[in-house]
Amino acid sequence: MGLLLSVPDVLGVIYHHSQNPAAFMASNVIWTTACCHGTVCQTCHKLVSVFQHPLWITDPDDHAIISCHGYYGDLDYYKQKKEILIKYPAFLKYIQRQCKTLNYYAVKQNSMMIQYVRHPTELLADFAFLKNEDAIQFVKQTPERCDHALRQNGLLLKYIKQQTLNLCWTAVCQTVTAFQYVDACYQTDDMIAYVIQRNVTMFRSIKQLKEQHYILLYQHHPHYFTVLMNDNHNGSSNTCFGYQSGESLTDGHHNTFIGHQSGQMLTTGSNSVMIGNSGLSTDTDVIRIGSQQRQNYQAGIFGACVKSNAVAVLVDSSGQLGTCSGF
């Protein structure tokens, strides 16, 4: 590594910025004096003290990370920063004087903190990546790292800066919804056919639609093809919140769908509320809550008083509530 301070570098900076020979000679004297009264570590070859004033310090607790003199500054101040990082790793982004050990402690607590390391080593990058594949967006994206990340989570394709056909296939095979992040040049006909057969909603992610894609959609998902052709031009005042929520709705108004695939089966119904339930295509003025739950807990019922004309509430095997039976 050599000495922390290099004679040509230090004196060169002073000379070229000042153009002052006197400053050059003065800095030469200072450097020579410092070397005569300084201590150089024989292990890391750093100038660790001058006139017995410590420059680089060693924390014995860091011996497993770095052999010696890992931080430039005061030992107590260093320990305080390390203590904060262990509790709050995001503090790393505010540290002006980073070092290997501080970076390590932050990344150890939260691998995503690699994004705040100014000059990450390959060793630290590997450490962060192996802890969490999501760190692929902040480390050097080697082919090996990209392939490993996409095999674990195909949706990480959105962070891959240089896609390849093989990487795109790896992502799509891991999870079909990664298709939405595939660059247009890699959305081959084979990949599109593979995706449409497994998840019809990815049809909207095709970046360069062609005639054969619509024919393929019609062959495998005629209902969705009809919905796509009709589109929902007549609907109004509908609220859909959730993936594929209300996607088949071609008409209808004042519907409220909340949750994954909620109200997905409704096509023309109105005034319905679907929470965590896909509903039926014929539903109108219907409330459906949940689909696979086996227990129901609701506050505000037990112990609450009702009017004298209250009646009992019944429930049938389909989950429908009512006050009379026999129909």
Protein backbone atom coordinates (compact mmCIF):
# COMPACT_ATOMS: atom_id res chain seq x y z
CA MET A 1 0.00 0.00 0.00
CA GLY A 2 2.88 2.37 0.80
CA LEU A 3 2.74 5.39 3.09
CA LEU A 4 -0.55 7.15 3.52
CA LEU A 5 1.03 10.42 2.38
CA SER A 6 3.12 10.35 -0.79
CA VAL A 7 5.85 12.96 -1.29
CA PRO A 8 5.21 13.51 -5.04
CA ASP A 9 1.44 13.67 -4.55
CA VAL A 10 1.43 16.06 -1.59
CA LEU A 11 4.12 18.36 -2.89
CA GLY A 12 2.81 18.19 -6.44
CA VAL A 13 -0.66 19.35 -5.41
CA ILE A 14 0.74 22.25 -3.37
CA TYR A 15 3.14 23.33 -6.12
CA HIS A 16 0.74 23.16 -9.07
CA HIS A 17 -2.03 24.96 -7.23
CA SER A 18 0.08 27.71 -5.71
CA GLN A 19 2.86 28.08 -8.29
CA ASN A 20 4.82 29.22 -5.27
CA PRO A 21 8.35 27.79 -4.90
CA ALA A 22 8.40 28.95 -1.28
CA ALA A 23 5.31 26.81 -0.51
CA PHE A 24 6.95 23.86 -2.22
CA MET A 25 10.10 24.19 -0.11
CA ALA A 26 8.08 24.69 3.08
CA SER A 27 5.98 21.59 2.42
CA ASN A 28 9.16 19.65 1.71
CA VAL A 29 10.53 20.64 5.10
CA ILE A 30 7.22 19.72 6.80
CA TRP A 31 7.13 16.33 5.10
CA THR A 32 10.73 15.55 5.97
CA THR A 33 10.15 16.56 9.59
CA ALA A 34 6.99 14.45 9.79
CA CYS A 35 8.78 11.39 8.49
CA CYS A 36 11.61 11.82 10.97
CA HIS A 37 9.20 12.04 13.90
CA GLY A 38 6.47 9.70 12.63
CA THR A 39 5.65 6.05 13.15
CA VAL A 40 4.90 3.72 10.26
CA CYS A 41 3.04 0.46 10.85
CA GLN A 42 5.06 -2.48 9.60
CA THR A 43 1.88 -4.42 8.80
CA CYS A 44 -0.29 -1.96 6.89
CA HIS A 45 2.52 0.55 6.09
CA LYS A 46 0.43 3.54 7.15
CA LEU A 47 1.79 6.62 8.86
CA VAL A 48 -0.04 5.99 12.13
CA SER A 49 1.32 8.86 14.23
CA VAL A 50 3.39 12.05 14.00
CA PHE A 51 5.03 13.55 17.10
CA GLN A 52 3.14 10.85 19.03
CA HIS A 53 -0.18 12.23 17.77
CA PRO A 54 -2.31 9.29 16.49
CA LEU A 55 -3.50 9.44 12.89
CA TRP A 56 -4.74 5.93 12.10
CA ILE A 57 -6.26 3.95 14.96
CA THR A 58 -7.00 0.29 15.67
CA ASP A 59 -10.11 -1.05 17.40
CA PRO A 60 -9.37 -4.52 18.83
CA ASP A 61 -13.00 -5.51 18.20
CA ASP A 62 -12.39 -5.22 14.46
CA HIS A 63 -9.60 -7.79 14.26
CA ALA A 64 -11.81 -10.21 12.32
CA ILE A 65 -12.50 -7.58 9.65
CA ILE A 66 -9.20 -5.77 9.28
CA SER A 67 -5.82 -6.48 10.83
CA CYS A 68 -4.96 -2.97 12.04
CA HIS A 69 -5.37 0.78 11.63
CA GLY A 70 -8.72 0.73 9.88
CA TYR A 71 -9.88 4.23 10.73
CA TYR A 72 -8.30 7.66 10.37
CA GLY A 73 -9.29 9.72 13.40
CA ASP A 74 -10.17 9.50 17.09
CA LEU A 75 -10.86 6.05 18.57
CA ASP A 76 -13.74 7.13 20.82
CA TYR A 77 -15.41 8.97 17.95
CA TYR A 78 -15.01 5.90 15.76
CA LYS A 79 -16.58 3.61 18.36
CA GLN A 80 -19.53 5.96 18.71
CA LYS A 81 -20.16 5.92 14.97
CA LYS A 82 -19.87 2.14 14.90
CA GLU A 83 -22.39 1.83 17.73
CA ILE A 84 -24.88 3.99 15.84
CA LEU A 85 -24.39 2.03 12.62
CA ILE A 86 -25.09 -1.27 14.29
CA LYS A 87 -28.44 0.09 15.50
CA TYR A 88 -29.24 2.35 12.54
CA PRO A 89 -27.34 1.24 9.42
CA ALA A 90 -28.93 4.01 7.31
CA PHE A 91 -26.67 6.42 9.22
CA LEU A 92 -23.92 5.37 6.80
CA LYS A 93 -25.15 7.80 4.15
CA TYR A 94 -24.35 10.72 6.48
CA ILE A 95 -20.83 9.59 7.39
CA GLN A 96 -18.29 11.71 5.55
CA ARG A 97 -15.21 9.71 6.50
CA GLN A 98 -16.06 6.13 5.62
CA CYS A 99 -13.77 3.15 6.10
CA LYS A 100 -13.89 -0.59 5.48
CA THR A 101 -15.01 -1.46 8.98
CA LEU A 102 -17.83 1.09 9.18
CA ASN A 103 -19.05 0.05 5.75
CA TYR A 104 -18.97 -3.59 6.80
CA TYR A 105 -21.04 -3.03 9.95
CA ALA A 106 -23.68 -1.08 8.01
CA VAL A 107 -23.96 -3.66 5.23
CA LYS A 108 -24.00 -6.50 7.74
CA GLN A 109 -27.09 -5.02 9.36
CA ASN A 110 -28.76 -4.12 6.08
CA SER A 111 -27.30 -5.28 2.78
CA MET A 112 -29.09 -2.49 0.89
CA MET A 113 -26.76 0.01 2.59
CA ILE A 114 -24.20 -0.97 -0.05
CA GLN A 115 -25.76 1.85 -2.09
CA TYR A 116 -24.23 4.41 0.29
CA VAL A 117 -20.71 2.97 0.24
CA ARG A 118 -18.67 5.39 -1.84
CA HIS A 119 -15.97 2.97 -2.96
CA PRO A 120 -17.20 -0.59 -2.33
CA THR A 121 -14.72 -3.41 -2.67
CA GLU A 122 -15.66 -6.56 -4.56
CA LEU A 123 -15.54 -8.46 -1.29
CA LEU A 124 -18.07 -6.13 0.32
CA ALA A 125 -20.25 -6.17 -2.81
CA ASP A 126 -20.31 -9.98 -2.75
CA PHE A 127 -21.13 -9.90 0.96
CA ALA A 128 -24.11 -7.59 0.38
CA PHE A 129 -25.34 -9.49 -2.66
CA LEU A 130 -25.22 -12.90 -0.98
CA LYS A 131 -27.22 -11.52 1.95
CA ASN A 132 -29.90 -10.09 -0.32
CA GLU A 133 -30.20 -10.46 -4.11
CA ASP A 134 -32.01 -7.10 -4.24
CA ALA A 135 -28.58 -5.50 -3.83
CA ILE A 136 -27.97 -6.32 -7.51
CA GLN A 137 -29.20 -2.80 -8.29
CA PHE A 138 -26.30 -1.25 -6.32
CA VAL A 139 -23.34 -3.52 -7.09
CA LYS A 140 -21.39 -4.28 -10.23
CA GLN A 141 -23.70 -6.38 -12.37
CA THR A 142 -21.56 -9.27 -13.50
CA PRO A 143 -23.23 -12.02 -15.59
CA GLU A 144 -22.89 -14.43 -12.67
CA ARG A 145 -24.53 -12.08 -10.19
CA CYS A 146 -27.36 -11.23 -12.58
CA ASP A 147 -28.08 -14.88 -13.32
CA HIS A 148 -28.06 -15.80 -9.63
CA ALA A 149 -30.35 -12.89 -8.71
CA LEU A 150 -32.89 -13.66 -11.43
CA ARG A 151 -33.03 -17.32 -10.48
CA GLN A 152 -34.08 -16.22 -7.01
CA ASN A 153 -36.40 -13.39 -8.05
CA GLY A 154 -37.25 -12.78 -11.69
CA LEU A 155 -38.73 -9.35 -10.92
CA LEU A 156 -35.18 -8.08 -10.29
CA LEU A 157 -34.92 -7.89 -14.07
CA LYS A 158 -36.12 -4.29 -13.79
CA TYR A 159 -32.75 -3.40 -12.22
CA ILE A 160 -30.57 -5.17 -14.81
CA LYS A 161 -28.89 -2.48 -16.88
CA GLN A 162 -27.65 -4.71 -19.72
CA GLN A 163 -30.21 -7.39 -20.48
CA THR A 164 -29.56 -10.46 -22.59
CA LEU A 165 -31.98 -12.97 -24.05
CA ASN A 166 -30.78 -15.66 -21.64
CA LEU A 167 -31.22 -13.39 -18.62
CA CYS A 168 -34.72 -12.43 -19.76
CA TRP A 169 -35.69 -16.07 -20.16
CA THR A 170 -34.29 -16.86 -16.71
CA ALA A 171 -36.41 -14.09 -15.19
CA VAL A 172 -39.61 -15.01 -17.04
CA CYS A 173 -39.25 -18.70 -16.20
CA GLN A 174 -38.81 -17.81 -12.54
CA THR A 175 -41.90 -15.59 -12.54
CA VAL A 176 -43.99 -14.81 -15.61
CA THR A 177 -44.75 -11.27 -14.45
CA ALA A 178 -41.08 -10.38 -15.01
CA PHE A 179 -42.06 -10.16 -18.67
CA GLN A 180 -43.19 -6.58 -18.11
CA TYR A 181 -39.52 -5.59 -17.62
CA VAL A 182 -38.17 -7.37 -20.70
CA ASP A 183 -36.77 -4.97 -23.30
CA ALA A 184 -38.66 -4.93 -26.59
CA CYS A 185 -35.76 -6.45 -28.50
CA TYR A 186 -35.86 -9.58 -26.31
CA GLN A 187 -39.64 -10.11 -26.38
CA THR A 188 -39.47 -12.91 -28.93
CA ASP A 189 -42.53 -14.68 -30.31
CA ASP A 190 -41.61 -17.80 -28.34
CA MET A 191 -41.39 -15.82 -25.11
CA ILE A 192 -44.68 -14.04 -25.81
CA ALA A 193 -46.44 -17.36 -26.45
CA TYR A 194 -44.98 -18.79 -23.24
CA VAL A 195 -46.13 -15.80 -21.22
CA ILE A 196 -49.65 -15.48 -22.66
CA GLN A 197 -50.43 -19.13 -22.00
CA ARG A 198 -49.47 -18.72 -18.33
CA ASN A 199 -50.65 -15.21 -17.49
CA VAL A 200 -53.00 -13.49 -19.91
CA THR A 201 -52.66 -10.10 -18.22
CA MET A 202 -49.06 -9.89 -19.47
CA PHE A 203 -50.51 -9.34 -22.94
CA ARG A 204 -50.62 -5.64 -22.12
CA SER A 205 -46.85 -5.72 -21.50
CA ILE A 206 -46.02 -6.66 -25.09
CA LYS A 207 -44.12 -3.64 -26.37
CA GLN A 208 -44.49 -4.34 -30.10
CA LEU A 209 -47.89 -5.94 -30.68
CA LYS A 210 -48.41 -7.86 -33.92
CA GLU A 211 -51.31 -9.60 -35.59
CA GLN A 212 -50.18 -13.08 -34.50
CA HIS A 213 -50.18 -11.98 -30.87
CA TYR A 214 -53.88 -11.16 -31.00
CA ILE A 215 -54.61 -14.49 -32.71
CA LEU A 216 -52.64 -16.27 -30.00
CA LEU A 217 -54.63 -14.44 -27.34
CA TYR A 218 -57.90 -15.42 -29.01
CA GLN A 219 -56.86 -19.09 -29.15
CA HIS A 220 -55.91 -19.37 -25.50
CA HIS A 221 -58.08 -16.75 -23.80
CA PRO A 222 -61.15 -15.90 -25.91
CA HIS A 223 -62.91 -14.25 -22.96
CA TYR A 224 -60.02 -11.87 -22.32
CA PHE A 225 -59.80 -11.21 -26.06
CA THR A 226 -63.45 -10.12 -26.01
CA VAL A 227 -62.84 -7.86 -23.03
CA LEU A 228 -59.82 -6.34 -24.73
CA MET A 229 -61.71 -5.68 -27.94
CA ASN A 230 -64.70 -4.15 -26.17
CA ASP A 231 -62.72 -2.30 -23.51
CA ASN A 232 -64.59 -0.49 -20.76
CA HIS A 233 -65.88 2.54 -22.61
CA ASN A 234 -69.31 2.62 -20.93
CA GLY A 235 -68.35 2.20 -17.29
CA SER A 236 -68.17 5.10 -14.84
CA SER A 237 -67.49 5.87 -11.18
CA ASN A 238 -65.75 2.53 -10.58
CA THR A 239 -62.96 2.20 -8.00
CA CYS A 240 -60.46 -0.64 -8.45
CA PHE A 241 -57.51 -1.11 -6.10
CA GLY A 242 -55.29 -4.19 -6.47
CA TYR A 243 -53.56 -6.34 -9.07
CA GLN A 244 -56.04 -7.44 -11.82
CA SER A 245 -58.84 -5.82 -9.85
CA GLY A 246 -61.93 -5.33 -12.03
CA GLU A 247 -59.98 -6.14 -15.18
CA SER A 248 -62.98 -7.78 -16.94
CA LEU A 249 -65.39 -4.92 -16.34
CA THR A 250 -66.71 -3.71 -19.71
CA ASP A 251 -69.68 -1.77 -18.39
CA GLY A 252 -71.20 -0.91 -15.03
CA HIS A 253 -70.87 1.91 -12.53
CA HIS A 254 -70.34 2.66 -8.84
CA ASN A 255 -68.46 -0.57 -8.15
CA THR A 256 -65.78 -0.75 -5.46
CA PHE A 257 -63.11 -3.47 -5.73
CA ILE A 258 -60.33 -3.79 -3.16
CA GLY A 259 -57.63 -6.46 -3.14
CA HIS A 260 -55.78 -8.87 -5.42
CA GLN A 261 -58.07 -9.91 -8.32
CA SER A 262 -61.07 -8.43 -6.52
CA GLY A 263 -64.11 -8.16 -8.78
CA GLN A 264 -62.11 -9.83 -11.55
CA MET A 265 -65.09 -11.86 -12.82
CA LEU A 266 -67.57 -8.98 -13.05
CA THR A 267 -68.26 -7.77 -16.58
CA THR A 268 -71.33 -5.50 -16.55
CA GLY A 269 -72.50 -5.34 -12.94
CA SER A 270 -73.07 -2.16 -10.93
CA ASN A 271 -73.26 -1.01 -7.30
CA SER A 272 -71.23 -3.95 -5.99
CA VAL A 273 -68.52 -4.09 -3.34
CA MET A 274 -65.85 -6.80 -3.61
CA ILE A 275 -63.15 -7.03 -0.94
CA GLY A 276 -60.75 -9.90 -1.46
CA ASN A 277 -63.30 -11.70 -3.65
CA SER A 278 -63.36 -12.09 -7.43
CA GLY A 279 -67.18 -12.15 -7.56
CA LEU A 280 -69.39 -13.58 -10.31
CA SER A 281 -69.96 -12.22 -13.78
CA THR A 282 -73.67 -11.70 -12.99
CA ASP A 283 -73.16 -9.82 -9.71
CA THR A 284 -75.09 -6.55 -9.34
CA ASP A 285 -75.88 -4.82 -6.04
CA VAL A 286 -73.81 -7.47 -4.25
CA ILE A 287 -71.35 -7.26 -1.37
CA ARG A 288 -68.70 -9.98 -1.12
CA ILE A 289 -65.96 -9.97 1.53
CA GLY A 290 -63.25 -12.63 1.56
CA SER A 291 -63.16 -15.95 -0.24
CA GLN A 292 -61.29 -18.68 1.66
CA GLN A 293 -61.50 -17.51 5.28
CA ARG A 294 -62.92 -19.95 7.83
CA GLN A 295 -63.52 -17.57 10.75
CA ASN A 296 -65.06 -14.11 11.01
CA TYR A 297 -64.39 -11.55 13.76
CA GLN A 298 -66.12 -8.18 13.75
CA ALA A 299 -66.11 -5.46 16.37
CA GLY A 300 -69.18 -3.46 17.33
CA ILE A 301 -71.60 -6.42 17.31
CA PHE A 302 -71.27 -8.35 20.54
CA GLY A 303 -72.95 -6.48 23.42
CA ALA A 304 -74.45 -3.81 21.16
CA CYS A 305 -78.13 -2.98 21.68
CA VAL A 306 -80.57 -2.97 18.73
CA LYS A 307 -84.15 -1.80 18.33
CA SER A 308 -87.09 -3.90 19.50
CA ASN A 309 -88.04 -4.91 15.95
CA ALA A 310 -84.72 -6.69 15.39
CA VAL A 311 -84.68 -10.13 13.76
CA ALA A 312 -82.16 -12.94 13.62
CA VAL A 313 -79.58 -13.05 10.82
CA LEU A 314 -79.16 -16.34 8.97
CA VAL A 315 -76.36 -17.60 6.78
CA ASP A 316 -76.36 -20.36 4.15
CA SER A 317 -73.56 -22.64 2.96
CA SER A 318 -72.48 -20.15 0.28
CA GLY A 319 -71.90 -17.43 2.88
CA GLN A 320 -74.95 -15.34 1.97
CA LEU A 321 -76.54 -13.45 4.87
CA GLY A 322 -80.27 -12.86 5.30
CA THR A 323 -83.18 -12.70 7.75
CA CYS A 324 -85.40 -15.42 6.27
CA SER A 325 -84.95 -18.71 4.45
CA GLY A 326 -86.88 -21.08 2.19
CA PHE A 327 -86.34 -19.50 -1.23
